[in-house]
Amino acid sequence: MLIELTNSLIEAGSSSNCGYNWDQFKILGIPTPPVKGWKNNIIGKSIYSETFSLFLKLKGLKPKQRKMYKEEIDRICKREYGE
């Protein structure tokens, strides 16, 4: 199932200090470091619900905590962007 990204959906993935981590950017196809306006550039983009679910799971996680999702991140990026 596809989900169309909205500002509120994107903000749902931000950490308590209103930030995002590199892995969240990666699965959304945002180059890092992100450029000003990155959020406006992806509003309206359709992504798989699985991708959005992982985006939310990664919210606020430290790098060591995100390691357990590495295979899932890589699989999604390969499917979505051929990486």
Protein backbone atom coordinates (compact mmCIF):
# COMPACT_ATOMS: atom_id res chain seq x y z
CA MET A 1 0.00 0.00 0.00
CA LEU A 2 1.25 3.48 -0.85
CA ILE A 3 1.11 6.49 1.46
CA GLU A 4 1.29 10.06 0.22
CA LEU A 5 3.60 12.08 2.44
CA THR A 6 2.18 15.15 4.12
CA ASN A 7 3.85 17.65 6.41
CA SER A 8 2.17 16.11 9.45
CA LEU A 9 3.25 12.57 8.49
CA ILE A 10 6.83 13.73 8.06
CA GLU A 11 6.75 15.58 11.37
CA ALA A 12 5.43 12.43 13.08
CA GLY A 13 8.89 10.95 12.48
CA SER A 14 10.83 13.78 14.10
CA SER A 15 12.54 13.25 17.43
CA SER A 16 11.68 15.15 20.61
CA ASN A 17 14.15 17.86 19.55
CA CYS A 18 12.46 18.12 16.12
CA GLY A 19 15.25 16.31 14.31
CA TYR A 20 15.70 13.38 11.96
CA ASN A 21 18.59 10.95 11.59
CA TRP A 22 20.60 10.00 8.50
CA ASP A 23 18.83 6.66 8.13
CA GLN A 24 15.44 8.36 8.08
CA PHE A 25 16.68 10.66 5.33
CA LYS A 26 18.14 7.68 3.47
CA ILE A 27 14.89 5.70 3.32
CA LEU A 28 13.03 8.81 2.12
CA GLY A 29 15.61 9.34 -0.65
CA ILE A 30 16.92 12.60 0.82
CA PRO A 31 20.65 13.23 0.21
CA THR A 32 22.65 13.96 3.36
CA PRO A 33 23.27 16.45 4.62
CA PRO A 34 19.79 17.62 3.65
CA VAL A 35 19.44 20.95 1.89
CA LYS A 36 17.08 23.69 2.96
CA GLY A 37 13.57 22.92 1.75
CA TRP A 38 14.02 19.13 1.74
CA LYS A 39 10.68 18.61 3.48
CA ASN A 40 8.75 20.65 0.90
CA ASN A 41 10.43 18.64 -1.85
CA ILE A 42 8.99 15.34 -0.62
CA ILE A 43 5.49 16.44 0.39
CA GLY A 44 3.16 14.64 -1.98
CA LYS A 45 5.65 11.85 -2.68
CA SER A 46 4.19 8.34 -2.44
CA ILE A 47 6.07 5.73 -0.44
CA TYR A 48 5.24 2.21 0.66
CA SER A 49 3.56 1.88 4.05
CA GLU A 50 6.47 -0.41 5.05
CA THR A 51 8.89 2.46 4.34
CA PHE A 52 6.82 4.88 6.40
CA SER A 53 6.60 2.38 9.26
CA LEU A 54 10.39 2.07 9.34
CA PHE A 55 10.71 5.86 9.16
CA LEU A 56 8.67 6.05 12.37
CA LYS A 57 10.59 3.19 14.05
CA LEU A 58 13.87 5.04 13.47
CA LYS A 59 12.56 8.17 15.20
CA GLY A 60 14.99 9.39 17.85
CA LEU A 61 17.23 6.31 17.74
CA LYS A 62 20.97 6.62 18.27
CA PRO A 63 23.32 5.05 15.66
CA LYS A 64 23.95 1.92 17.76
CA GLN A 65 20.20 1.44 18.19
CA ARG A 66 19.62 1.80 14.44
CA LYS A 67 22.10 -0.97 13.56
CA MET A 68 19.42 -3.60 14.16
CA TYR A 69 17.48 -2.11 11.22
CA LYS A 70 20.41 -2.04 8.78
CA GLU A 71 19.24 -4.95 6.62
CA GLU A 72 15.71 -3.54 6.45
CA ILE A 73 17.05 -0.07 5.54
CA ASP A 74 19.27 -1.53 2.82
CA ARG A 75 16.44 -3.65 1.39
CA ILE A 76 14.05 -0.69 1.25
CA CYS A 77 16.65 1.59 -0.33
CA LYS A 78 17.46 -1.03 -2.96
CA ARG A 79 13.77 -1.47 -3.79
CA GLU A 80 12.96 2.27 -3.78
CA TYR A 81 16.13 3.79 -5.26
CA GLY A 82 18.25 0.95 -6.63
CA GLU A 83 20.96 1.62 -4.00
